[in-house]
PDB file of N, CA and C in Angstrom:
ATOM      1  N   MET A   1      33.931 -96.010 -75.825  1.00  0.00           N
ATOM      2  CA  MET A   1      33.210 -96.825 -76.700  1.00  0.00           C
ATOM      3  C   MET A   1      32.102 -95.963 -77.458  1.00  0.00           C
ATOM      4  N   SER A   2      31.792 -96.186 -78.514  1.00  0.00           N
ATOM      5  CA  SER A   2      30.849 -95.848 -79.214  1.00  0.00           C
ATOM      6  C   SER A   2      29.020 -96.017 -78.921  1.00  0.00           C
ATOM      7  N   LYS A   3      28.603 -95.475 -78.606  1.00  0.00           N
ATOM      8  CA  LYS A   3      27.117 -95.415 -78.696  1.00  0.00           C
ATOM      9  C   LYS A   3      26.536 -96.771 -79.294  1.00  0.00           C
ATOM     10  N   THR A   4      27.029 -96.683 -80.831  1.00  0.00           N
ATOM     11  CA  THR A   4      26.346 -98.123 -81.620  1.00  0.00           C
ATOM     12  C   THR A   4      26.972 -99.440 -81.154  1.00  0.00           C
ATOM     13  N   ARG A   5      28.922 -98.767 -80.597  1.00  0.00           N
ATOM     14  CA  ARG A   5      29.104-100.129 -80.396  1.00  0.00           C
ATOM     15  C   ARG A   5      28.505-100.999 -79.248  1.00  0.00           C
ATOM     16  N   GLU A   6      28.356 -99.863 -77.995  1.00  0.00           N
ATOM     17  CA  GLU A   6      27.638-100.622 -77.086  1.00  0.00           C
ATOM     18  C   GLU A   6      26.384-101.212 -77.280  1.00  0.00           C
ATOM     19  N   LYS A   7      25.624-100.254 -78.178  1.00  0.00           N
ATOM     20  CA  LYS A   7      23.860-100.998 -78.451  1.00  0.00           C
ATOM     21  C   LYS A   7      24.245-102.597 -78.936  1.00  0.00           C
ATOM     22  N   ALA A   8      25.361-102.409 -80.069  1.00  0.00           N
ATOM     23  CA  ALA A   8      25.600-103.985 -80.810  1.00  0.00           C
ATOM     24  C   ALA A   8      26.304-104.870 -79.882  1.00  0.00           C
ATOM     25  N   GLU A   9      27.121-104.492 -78.680  1.00  0.00           N
ATOM     26  CA  GLU A   9      27.695-105.284 -77.775  1.00  0.00           C
ATOM     27  C   GLU A   9      26.631-105.870 -76.931  1.00  0.00           C
ATOM     28  N   GLY A  10      25.800-104.743 -76.582  1.00  0.00           N
ATOM     29  CA  GLY A  10      24.631-105.527 -75.675  1.00  0.00           C
ATOM     30  C   GLY A  10      23.443-106.154 -76.019  1.00  0.00           C
ATOM     31  N   PHE A  11      23.546-106.209 -77.421  1.00  0.00           N
ATOM     32  CA  PHE A  11      22.720-106.871 -78.119  1.00  0.00           C
ATOM     33  C   PHE A  11      23.082-108.527 -78.400  1.00  0.00           C
ATOM     34  N   THR A  12      24.751-108.397 -78.521  1.00  0.00           N
ATOM     35  CA  THR A  12      25.611-109.744 -79.001  1.00  0.00           C
ATOM     36  C   THR A  12      25.348-110.536 -77.733  1.00  0.00           C
ATOM     37  N   ARG A  13      25.326-109.819 -76.491  1.00  0.00           N
ATOM     38  CA  ARG A  13      25.367-110.811 -75.140  1.00  0.00           C
ATOM     39  C   ARG A  13      24.117-111.351 -74.867  1.00  0.00           C
ATOM     40  N   GLN A  14      23.249-110.103 -75.342  1.00  0.00           N
ATOM     41  CA  GLN A  14      21.732-111.134 -74.968  1.00  0.00           C
ATOM     42  C   GLN A  14      21.505-112.345 -75.739  1.00  0.00           C
ATOM     43  N   VAL A  15      21.814-112.116 -77.167  1.00  0.00           N
ATOM     44  CA  VAL A  15      22.095-113.271 -78.208  1.00  0.00           C
ATOM     45  C   VAL A  15      22.412-114.488 -77.926  1.00  0.00           C
ATOM     46  N   ILE A  16      23.833-114.166 -77.254  1.00  0.00           N
ATOM     47  CA  ILE A  16      24.982-115.416 -77.054  1.00  0.00           C
ATOM     48  C   ILE A  16      24.597-116.055 -75.422  1.00  0.00           C
ATOM     49  N   GLY A  17      24.247-114.980 -74.642  1.00  0.00           N
ATOM     50  CA  GLY A  17      23.459-115.514 -73.503  1.00  0.00           C
ATOM     51  C   GLY A  17      22.403-116.662 -73.519  1.00  0.00           C
ATOM     52  N   GLN A  18      21.491-115.856 -74.497  1.00  0.00           N
ATOM     53  CA  GLN A  18      20.242-116.973 -74.942  1.00  0.00           C
ATOM     54  C   GLN A  18      20.761-118.113 -75.142  1.00  0.00           C
ATOM     55  N   MET A  19      21.752-118.285 -76.345  1.00  0.00           N
ATOM     56  CA  MET A  19      21.959-119.520 -76.864  1.00  0.00           C
ATOM     57  C   MET A  19      22.859-120.322 -76.567  1.00  0.00           C
ATOM     58  N   ILE A  20      23.537-120.016 -75.375  1.00  0.00           N
ATOM     59  CA  ILE A  20      24.186-120.741 -74.180  1.00  0.00           C
ATOM     60  C   ILE A  20      23.724-121.002 -72.641  1.00  0.00           C
ATOM     61  N   GLY A  21      22.459-120.250 -72.590  1.00  0.00           N
ATOM     62  CA  GLY A  21      21.285-120.417 -71.357  1.00  0.00           C
ATOM     63  C   GLY A  21      21.851-119.506 -70.463  1.00  0.00           C
ATOM     64  N   ASP A  22      22.940-118.574 -70.657  1.00  0.00           N
ATOM     65  CA  ASP A  22      23.331-118.303 -69.328  1.00  0.00           C
ATOM     66  C   ASP A  22      22.179-116.613 -69.138  1.00  0.00           C
ATOM     67  N   ASP A  23      21.252-116.707 -68.350  1.00  0.00           N
ATOM     68  CA  ASP A  23      20.733-115.516 -67.565  1.00  0.00           C
ATOM     69  C   ASP A  23      21.042-114.045 -67.247  1.00  0.00           C
ATOM     70  N   LEU A  24      22.392-114.442 -66.875  1.00  0.00           N
ATOM     71  CA  LEU A  24      23.325-113.731 -66.287  1.00  0.00           C
ATOM     72  C   LEU A  24      23.754-112.631 -67.672  1.00  0.00           C
ATOM     73  N   LEU A  25      24.532-113.261 -68.622  1.00  0.00           N
ATOM     74  CA  LEU A  25      25.316-112.549 -69.588  1.00  0.00           C
ATOM     75  C   LEU A  25      24.065-111.746 -70.658  1.00  0.00           C
ATOM     76  N   VAL A  26      22.693-112.567 -70.597  1.00  0.00           N
ATOM     77  CA  VAL A  26      21.566-111.439 -71.123  1.00  0.00           C
ATOM     78  C   VAL A  26      21.157-110.357 -70.482  1.00  0.00           C
ATOM     79  N   GLN A  27      21.272-110.525 -69.129  1.00  0.00           N
ATOM     80  CA  GLN A  27      20.795-109.501 -68.252  1.00  0.00           C
ATOM     81  C   GLN A  27      21.844-108.230 -68.388  1.00  0.00           C
ATOM     82  N   GLU A  28      23.061-108.740 -68.580  1.00  0.00           N
ATOM     83  CA  GLU A  28      24.086-107.331 -68.884  1.00  0.00           C
ATOM     84  C   GLU A  28      23.942-107.242 -69.772  1.00  0.00           C
ATOM     85  N   GLY A  29      23.716-107.447 -71.137  1.00  0.00           N
ATOM     86  CA  GLY A  29      23.595-107.308 -72.595  1.00  0.00           C
ATOM     87  C   GLY A  29      22.220-106.088 -72.443  1.00  0.00           C
ATOM     88  N   LYS A  30      21.360-106.656 -71.811  1.00  0.00           N
ATOM     89  CA  LYS A  30      20.027-105.570 -71.806  1.00  0.00           C
ATOM     90  C   LYS A  30      20.322-104.324 -71.001  1.00  0.00           C
ATOM     91  N   GLU A  31      21.225-104.088 -69.665  1.00  0.00           N
ATOM     92  CA  GLU A  31      21.435-103.168 -69.173  1.00  0.00           C
ATOM     93  C   GLU A  31      22.318-102.337 -70.033  1.00  0.00           C
ATOM     94  N   LEU A  32      23.388-103.249 -70.847  1.00  0.00           N
ATOM     95  CA  LEU A  32      24.326-102.241 -71.891  1.00  0.00           C
ATOM     96  C   LEU A  32      23.869-101.473 -72.832  1.00  0.00           C
ATOM     97  N   GLU A  33      22.790-102.260 -73.486  1.00  0.00           N
ATOM     98  CA  GLU A  33      22.334-101.998 -74.375  1.00  0.00           C
ATOM     99  C   GLU A  33      21.026-100.692 -74.099  1.00  0.00           C
ATOM    100  N   GLN A  34      20.700-100.863 -72.773  1.00  0.00           N
ATOM    101  CA  GLN A  34      19.762 -99.594 -71.995  1.00  0.00           C
ATOM    102  C   GLN A  34      20.702 -98.367 -71.482  1.00  0.00           C
ATOM    103  N   LYS A  35      21.617 -98.870 -71.068  1.00  0.00           N
ATOM    104  CA  LYS A  35      22.450 -97.314 -70.675  1.00  0.00           C
ATOM    105  C   LYS A  35      22.742 -96.849 -71.791  1.00  0.00           C
ATOM    106  N   ALA A  36      23.205 -97.577 -73.329  1.00  0.00           N
ATOM    107  CA  ALA A  36      23.591 -96.940 -74.642  1.00  0.00           C
ATOM    108  C   ALA A  36      22.456 -96.027 -75.096  1.00  0.00           C
ATOM    109  N   ASN A  37      21.379 -96.431 -75.075  1.00  0.00           N
ATOM    110  CA  ASN A  37      20.025 -95.830 -75.334  1.00  0.00           C
ATOM    111  C   ASN A  37      19.875 -94.715 -74.340  1.00  0.00           C
ATOM    112  N   GLN A  38      20.161 -94.813 -73.368  1.00  0.00           N
ATOM    113  CA  GLN A  38      19.614 -93.757 -72.255  1.00  0.00           C
ATOM    114  C   GLN A  38      20.324 -92.576 -72.592  1.00  0.00           C
ATOM    115  N   GLU A  39      22.082 -92.789 -73.007  1.00  0.00           N
ATOM    116  CA  GLU A  39      22.979 -91.789 -73.186  1.00  0.00           C
ATOM    117  C   GLU A  39      22.910 -90.935 -74.594  1.00  0.00           C
ATOM    118  N   ASP A  40      22.191 -92.125 -75.598  1.00  0.00           N
ATOM    119  CA  ASP A  40      21.943 -91.589 -76.753  1.00  0.00           C
ATOM    120  C   ASP A  40      20.831 -90.470 -76.467  1.00  0.00           C
ATOM    121  N   THR A  41      19.896 -90.828 -75.721  1.00  0.00           N
ATOM    122  CA  THR A  41      18.485 -90.091 -75.608  1.00  0.00           C
ATOM    123  C   THR A  41      19.056 -88.415 -75.309  1.00  0.00           C
ATOM    124  N   SER A  42      19.798 -88.852 -73.898  1.00  0.00           N
ATOM    125  CA  SER A  42      19.888 -87.554 -73.443  1.00  0.00           C
ATOM    126  C   SER A  42      20.659 -86.563 -73.986  1.00  0.00           C
ATOM    127  N   GLU A  43      21.808 -87.216 -74.892  1.00  0.00           N
ATOM    128  CA  GLU A  43      22.348 -86.040 -75.451  1.00  0.00           C
ATOM    129  C   GLU A  43      21.317 -85.478 -76.962  1.00  0.00           C
ATOM    130  N   ASN A  44      20.618 -86.146 -77.384  1.00  0.00           N
ATOM    131  CA  ASN A  44      19.759 -85.519 -78.247  1.00  0.00           C
ATOM    132  C   ASN A  44      18.552 -84.827 -77.511  1.00  0.00           C
ATOM    133  N   VAL A  45      18.612 -84.659 -76.471  1.00  0.00           N
ATOM    134  CA  VAL A  45      17.496 -83.830 -76.031  1.00  0.00           C
ATOM    135  C   VAL A  45      18.502 -82.439 -75.384  1.00  0.00           C
ATOM    136  N   THR A  46      19.716 -82.787 -75.166  1.00  0.00           N
ATOM    137  CA  THR A  46      20.416 -81.608 -74.968  1.00  0.00           C
ATOM    138  C   THR A  46      20.657 -80.851 -76.065  1.00  0.00           C
ATOM    139  N   GLY A  47      20.543 -81.953 -77.281  1.00  0.00           N
ATOM    140  CA  GLY A  47      20.902 -80.781 -78.935  1.00  0.00           C
ATOM    141  C   GLY A  47      22.642 -80.960 -78.878  1.00  0.00           C
ATOM    142  N   GLN A  48      23.476 -81.954 -78.050  1.00  0.00           N
ATOM    143  CA  GLN A  48      24.558 -82.092 -78.235  1.00  0.00           C
ATOM    144  C   GLN A  48      24.975 -82.870 -79.493  1.00  0.00           C
ATOM    145  N   ARG A  49      23.948 -83.634 -80.054  1.00  0.00           N
ATOM    146  CA  ARG A  49      24.237 -84.296 -81.394  1.00  0.00           C
ATOM    147  C   ARG A  49      23.345 -83.985 -82.109  1.00  0.00           C
ATOM    148  N   GLN A  50      22.575 -83.025 -82.576  1.00  0.00           N
ATOM    149  CA  GLN A  50      21.573 -82.831 -83.608  1.00  0.00           C
ATOM    150  C   GLN A  50      22.355 -82.220 -84.640  1.00  0.00           C
ATOM    151  N   GLN A  51      22.282 -82.793 -85.630  1.00  0.00           N
ATOM    152  CA  GLN A  51      22.810 -81.927 -87.020  1.00  0.00           C
ATOM    153  C   GLN A  51      21.602 -80.906 -87.542  1.00  0.00           C
ATOM    154  N   PRO A  52      22.639 -79.888 -87.857  1.00  0.00           N
ATOM    155  CA  PRO A  52      21.691 -78.232 -88.496  1.00  0.00           C
ATOM    156  C   PRO A  52      20.861 -79.277 -89.532  1.00  0.00           C
ATOM    157  N   SER A  53      19.737 -78.471 -89.881  1.00  0.00           N
ATOM    158  CA  SER A  53      19.109 -79.016 -91.265  1.00  0.00           C
ATOM    159  C   SER A  53      19.931 -78.547 -92.353  1.00  0.00           C
ATOM    160  N   ARG A  54      19.448 -79.610 -93.275  1.00  0.00           N
ATOM    161  CA  ARG A  54      20.392 -79.853 -94.362  1.00  0.00           C
ATOM    162  C   ARG A  54      19.361 -78.571 -95.560  1.00  0.00           C
ATOM    163  N   GLU A  55      17.968 -78.362 -95.168  1.00  0.00           N
ATOM    164  CA  GLU A  55      17.432 -77.769 -96.101  1.00  0.00           C
ATOM    165  C   GLU A  55      17.932 -76.759 -96.204  1.00  0.00           C
ATOM    166  N   ARG A  56      18.115 -75.807 -95.112  1.00  0.00           N
ATOM    167  CA  ARG A  56      18.522 -74.446 -95.206  1.00  0.00           C
ATOM    168  C   ARG A  56      20.087 -74.260 -95.970  1.00  0.00           C
ATOM    169  N   SER A  57      20.661 -75.187 -96.046  1.00  0.00           N
ATOM    170  CA  SER A  57      22.010 -75.279 -96.593  1.00  0.00           C
ATOM    171  C   SER A  57      21.644 -75.042 -98.421  1.00  0.00           C
ATOM    172  N   ARG A  58      20.891 -75.664 -98.452  1.00  0.00           N
ATOM    173  CA  ARG A  58      20.550 -75.972 -99.837  1.00  0.00           C
ATOM    174  C   ARG A  58      19.601 -75.023-100.331  1.00  0.00           C
ATOM    175  N   GLN A  59      19.392 -74.063 -99.978  1.00  0.00           N
ATOM    176  CA  GLN A  59      18.584 -72.994-100.541  1.00  0.00           C
ATOM    177  C   GLN A  59      19.608 -71.977-101.393  1.00  0.00           C
ATOM    178  N   PRO A  60      19.076 -71.380-102.398  1.00  0.00           N
ATOM    179  CA  PRO A  60      20.289 -70.478-102.911  1.00  0.00           C
ATOM    180  C   PRO A  60      20.074 -69.318-102.557  1.00  0.00           C
ATOM    181  N   PRO A  61      21.385 -68.689-102.658  1.00  0.00           N
ATOM    182  CA  PRO A  61      21.289 -67.232-101.602  1.00  0.00           C
ATOM    183  C   PRO A  61      20.322 -66.462-102.401  1.00  0.00           C
ATOM    184  N   ALA A  62      19.882 -65.292-101.864  1.00  0.00           N
ATOM    185  CA  ALA A  62      18.597 -64.547-102.347  1.00  0.00           C
ATOM    186  C   ALA A  62      19.391 -63.439-103.236  1.00  0.00           C
ATOM    187  N   ARG A  63      18.242 -63.128-104.115  1.00  0.00           N
ATOM    188  CA  ARG A  63      18.941 -62.555-105.680  1.00  0.00           C
ATOM    189  C   ARG A  63      18.503 -61.146-105.304  1.00  0.00           C
ATOM    190  N   LYS A  64      18.885 -60.218-105.956  1.00  0.00           N
ATOM    191  CA  LYS A  64      18.286 -58.819-106.038  1.00  0.00           C
ATOM    192  C   LYS A  64      17.023 -58.582-107.206  1.00  0.00           C
ATOM    193  N   ASP A  65      16.172 -58.208-106.755  1.00  0.00           N
ATOM    194  CA  ASP A  65      15.374 -57.780-107.563  1.00  0.00           C
ATOM    195  C   ASP A  65      15.559 -57.098-108.849  1.00  0.00           C
ATOM    196  N   GLU A  66      15.676 -57.832-109.916  1.00  0.00           N
ATOM    197  CA  GLU A  66      16.201 -57.354-111.248  1.00  0.00           C
ATOM    198  C   GLU A  66      15.351 -56.408-111.764  1.00  0.00           C
ATOM    199  N   SER A  67      14.152 -56.144-111.665  1.00  0.00           N
ATOM    200  CA  SER A  67      13.336 -55.584-112.192  1.00  0.00           C
ATOM    201  C   SER A  67      12.942 -54.072-111.350  1.00  0.00           C
ATOM    202  N   ASN A  68      13.267 -53.720-110.187  1.00  0.00           N
ATOM    203  CA  ASN A  68      13.384 -52.615-109.793  1.00  0.00           C
ATOM    204  C   ASN A  68      14.675 -51.484-109.779  1.00  0.00           C
ATOM    205  N   GLY A  69      15.698 -52.133-110.572  1.00  0.00           N
ATOM    206  CA  GLY A  69      17.339 -52.293-110.684  1.00  0.00           C
ATOM    207  C   GLY A  69      17.487 -51.118-111.546  1.00  0.00           C
TER     208      GLY A  69
END
């Protein structure tokens, strides 16, 4: 299951648990959401999910100096 989906499911469990008064469901939701956040944070720290900077790809290629040619 994706991290986003796990976070959403955890949040949903918390809300449903609060609505029906089920403290166990609320706790399970919090744990699931925290687990997804920890996994997401650990992947960012190791650099596995970081995207390359788009600024580098937008720069035009270097041109030769035409005045010295």
